[in-house]
Amino acid sequence: MNETKTIKIMIKEPDKEPYIKEIEDTLENLQSIVGGLIDCVEMPGVRNVDIFFDDEGLIKHKPGNIWLAGTGDCIKGTCYMVGVDPKEGENISLTYTQIKQCERYVKTFELPKGVDLYADYFWLVPTMYKKSEQYLRKPFTEM
């Protein structure tokens, strides 16, 4: 019988401050946080942390939340960050250091209040590429 484990994650909703929450690591819980089917990407510049989000955020026209450094894309809707065991590939609790790194990332790449991802996209892209260059310490041409 598989026992459900509890993990510590960081949740970021559009236009709100991120917060830490302990949850049971079940697919249903994780899908309920993002409000749909989950997809994930490695968190740019942060080791062993994934960002999970609603795979259909664009189709559902969810508001922009966090820019993905080094890309021309943004997470739409609520997302969460979770630690990853590099050997097993399983979700694990964020460490104190990872939480601080996630906070720094969110502060750098959250969409400014009042900015509409869809209406302001062409202004937002060069702004976020510049931030990405500074954050990842490599020129746009290498991303």
Protein backbone atom coordinates (compact mmCIF):
# COMPACT_ATOMS: atom_id res chain seq x y z
CA MET A 1 0.00 0.00 0.00
CA ASN A 2 1.42 3.38 -1.02
CA GLU A 3 1.45 5.98 1.70
CA THR A 4 0.88 9.59 0.63
CA LYS A 5 3.66 11.92 1.68
CA THR A 6 3.38 15.54 2.69
CA ILE A 7 5.57 18.05 0.88
CA LYS A 8 6.32 21.75 1.31
CA ILE A 9 5.68 23.82 -1.84
CA MET A 10 5.55 27.49 -2.82
CA ILE A 11 2.33 28.67 -4.46
CA LYS A 12 2.19 31.79 -6.63
CA GLU A 13 -1.15 33.20 -7.76
CA PRO A 14 -1.30 36.05 -10.29
CA ASP A 15 -0.99 39.50 -8.65
CA LYS A 16 -0.41 37.97 -5.19
CA GLU A 17 2.62 37.31 -3.03
CA PRO A 18 3.91 33.72 -3.05
CA TYR A 19 3.30 31.59 0.02
CA ILE A 20 4.48 28.26 1.43
CA LYS A 21 2.04 25.44 1.99
CA GLU A 22 2.35 21.82 3.09
CA ILE A 23 0.17 19.50 1.03
CA GLU A 24 -0.32 15.81 0.43
CA ASP A 25 1.52 14.89 -2.77
CA THR A 26 -1.42 13.57 -4.80
CA LEU A 27 -2.33 14.29 -8.40
CA GLU A 28 -5.75 15.57 -7.33
CA ASN A 29 -4.24 18.08 -4.89
CA LEU A 30 -1.70 19.30 -7.40
CA GLN A 31 -4.30 19.71 -10.15
CA SER A 32 -6.63 21.57 -7.80
CA ILE A 33 -3.91 24.13 -7.03
CA VAL A 34 -3.45 25.08 -10.69
CA GLY A 35 -7.09 24.56 -11.66
CA GLY A 36 -6.57 22.06 -14.44
CA LEU A 37 -4.25 19.61 -16.12
CA ILE A 38 -0.72 19.99 -14.82
CA ASP A 39 2.44 20.49 -16.81
CA CYS A 40 5.87 21.37 -15.50
CA VAL A 41 9.19 22.91 -16.46
CA GLU A 42 12.50 23.08 -14.66
CA MET A 43 12.79 26.37 -12.82
CA PRO A 44 15.29 28.48 -14.78
CA GLY A 45 18.47 29.05 -12.80
CA VAL A 46 17.36 27.01 -9.75
CA ARG A 47 18.61 23.44 -9.34
CA ASN A 48 16.24 20.61 -8.49
CA VAL A 49 13.08 22.74 -8.52
CA ASP A 50 10.17 22.36 -10.93
CA ILE A 51 7.33 24.80 -11.62
CA PHE A 52 3.91 23.21 -12.17
CA PHE A 53 1.10 25.08 -13.91
CA ASP A 54 -2.16 24.58 -15.82
CA ASP A 55 -1.31 23.09 -19.21
CA GLU A 56 -4.35 24.84 -20.69
CA GLY A 57 -3.69 28.26 -19.14
CA LEU A 58 -3.40 29.96 -22.53
CA ILE A 59 -6.53 28.32 -23.95
CA LYS A 60 -8.44 29.30 -20.81
CA HIS A 61 -7.01 32.84 -21.13
CA LYS A 62 -5.74 32.80 -17.54
CA PRO A 63 -3.86 35.91 -16.41
CA GLY A 64 -0.10 36.08 -16.71
CA ASN A 65 1.81 35.23 -13.56
CA ILE A 66 5.56 34.51 -13.83
CA TRP A 67 7.80 34.89 -16.87
CA LEU A 68 9.95 31.89 -17.76
CA ALA A 69 13.49 33.28 -17.96
CA GLY A 70 15.21 32.74 -21.28
CA THR A 71 11.97 32.07 -23.16
CA GLY A 72 9.26 34.07 -24.86
CA ASP A 73 6.68 32.52 -22.58
CA CYS A 74 4.89 33.17 -19.31
CA ILE A 75 3.10 30.93 -16.86
CA LYS A 76 -0.59 31.67 -16.94
CA GLY A 77 -2.71 31.27 -13.83
CA THR A 78 -1.67 29.87 -10.47
CA CYS A 79 1.50 27.81 -10.29
CA TYR A 80 3.56 26.12 -7.62
CA MET A 81 7.22 25.32 -7.15
CA VAL A 82 8.37 22.03 -5.68
CA GLY A 83 11.67 20.33 -4.96
CA VAL A 84 12.72 17.39 -7.12
CA ASP A 85 14.76 14.39 -6.03
CA PRO A 86 17.31 14.21 -8.90
CA LYS A 87 17.85 10.47 -8.46
CA GLU A 88 14.22 9.35 -8.18
CA GLY A 89 12.55 12.19 -10.11
CA GLU A 90 9.91 12.52 -7.38
CA ASN A 91 8.48 15.64 -5.76
CA ILE A 92 10.07 16.53 -2.43
CA SER A 93 9.77 19.45 -0.03
CA LEU A 94 11.52 22.67 -0.91
CA THR A 95 14.57 23.35 1.24
CA TYR A 96 15.12 26.70 2.96
CA THR A 97 17.72 27.60 0.30
CA GLN A 98 15.36 26.66 -2.53
CA ILE A 99 12.57 28.75 -0.98
CA LYS A 100 14.88 31.78 -0.92
CA GLN A 101 15.89 31.12 -4.55
CA CYS A 102 12.23 30.78 -5.58
CA GLU A 103 11.37 34.04 -3.80
CA ARG A 104 14.17 35.81 -5.66
CA TYR A 105 13.03 34.34 -8.98
CA VAL A 106 9.39 35.33 -8.41
CA LYS A 107 10.37 38.86 -7.38
CA THR A 108 12.42 39.19 -10.58
CA PHE A 109 9.97 37.62 -13.03
CA GLU A 110 6.44 38.16 -11.78
CA LEU A 111 4.41 40.33 -14.11
CA PRO A 112 4.11 43.87 -12.77
CA LYS A 113 0.72 44.78 -11.34
CA GLY A 114 -1.53 46.26 -14.00
CA VAL A 115 0.30 44.56 -16.88
CA ASP A 116 -1.91 42.40 -19.09
CA LEU A 117 0.05 39.52 -20.60
CA TYR A 118 -2.08 39.48 -23.74
CA ALA A 119 -2.45 43.23 -24.37
CA ASP A 120 1.11 44.14 -23.31
CA TYR A 121 2.93 41.09 -24.73
CA PHE A 122 5.08 42.95 -27.27
CA TRP A 123 6.25 45.42 -24.62
CA LEU A 124 6.77 42.64 -22.10
CA VAL A 125 8.99 40.36 -24.23
CA PRO A 126 12.02 42.67 -24.59
CA THR A 127 11.70 43.72 -20.94
CA MET A 128 11.73 40.12 -19.76
CA TYR A 129 14.55 39.12 -22.13
CA LYS A 130 16.69 41.86 -20.61
CA LYS A 131 15.88 40.59 -17.10
CA SER A 132 16.63 37.03 -18.28
CA GLU A 133 20.07 38.06 -19.55
CA GLN A 134 20.89 39.60 -16.19
CA TYR A 135 19.45 36.71 -14.17
CA LEU A 136 20.93 33.85 -16.20
CA ARG A 137 24.13 35.79 -16.97
CA LYS A 138 24.10 34.98 -20.67
CA PRO A 139 23.13 36.96 -23.73
CA PHE A 140 19.77 36.48 -25.38
CA THR A 141 21.45 34.87 -28.41
CA GLU A 142 22.64 31.98 -26.19
CA MET A 143 19.24 31.25 -24.63
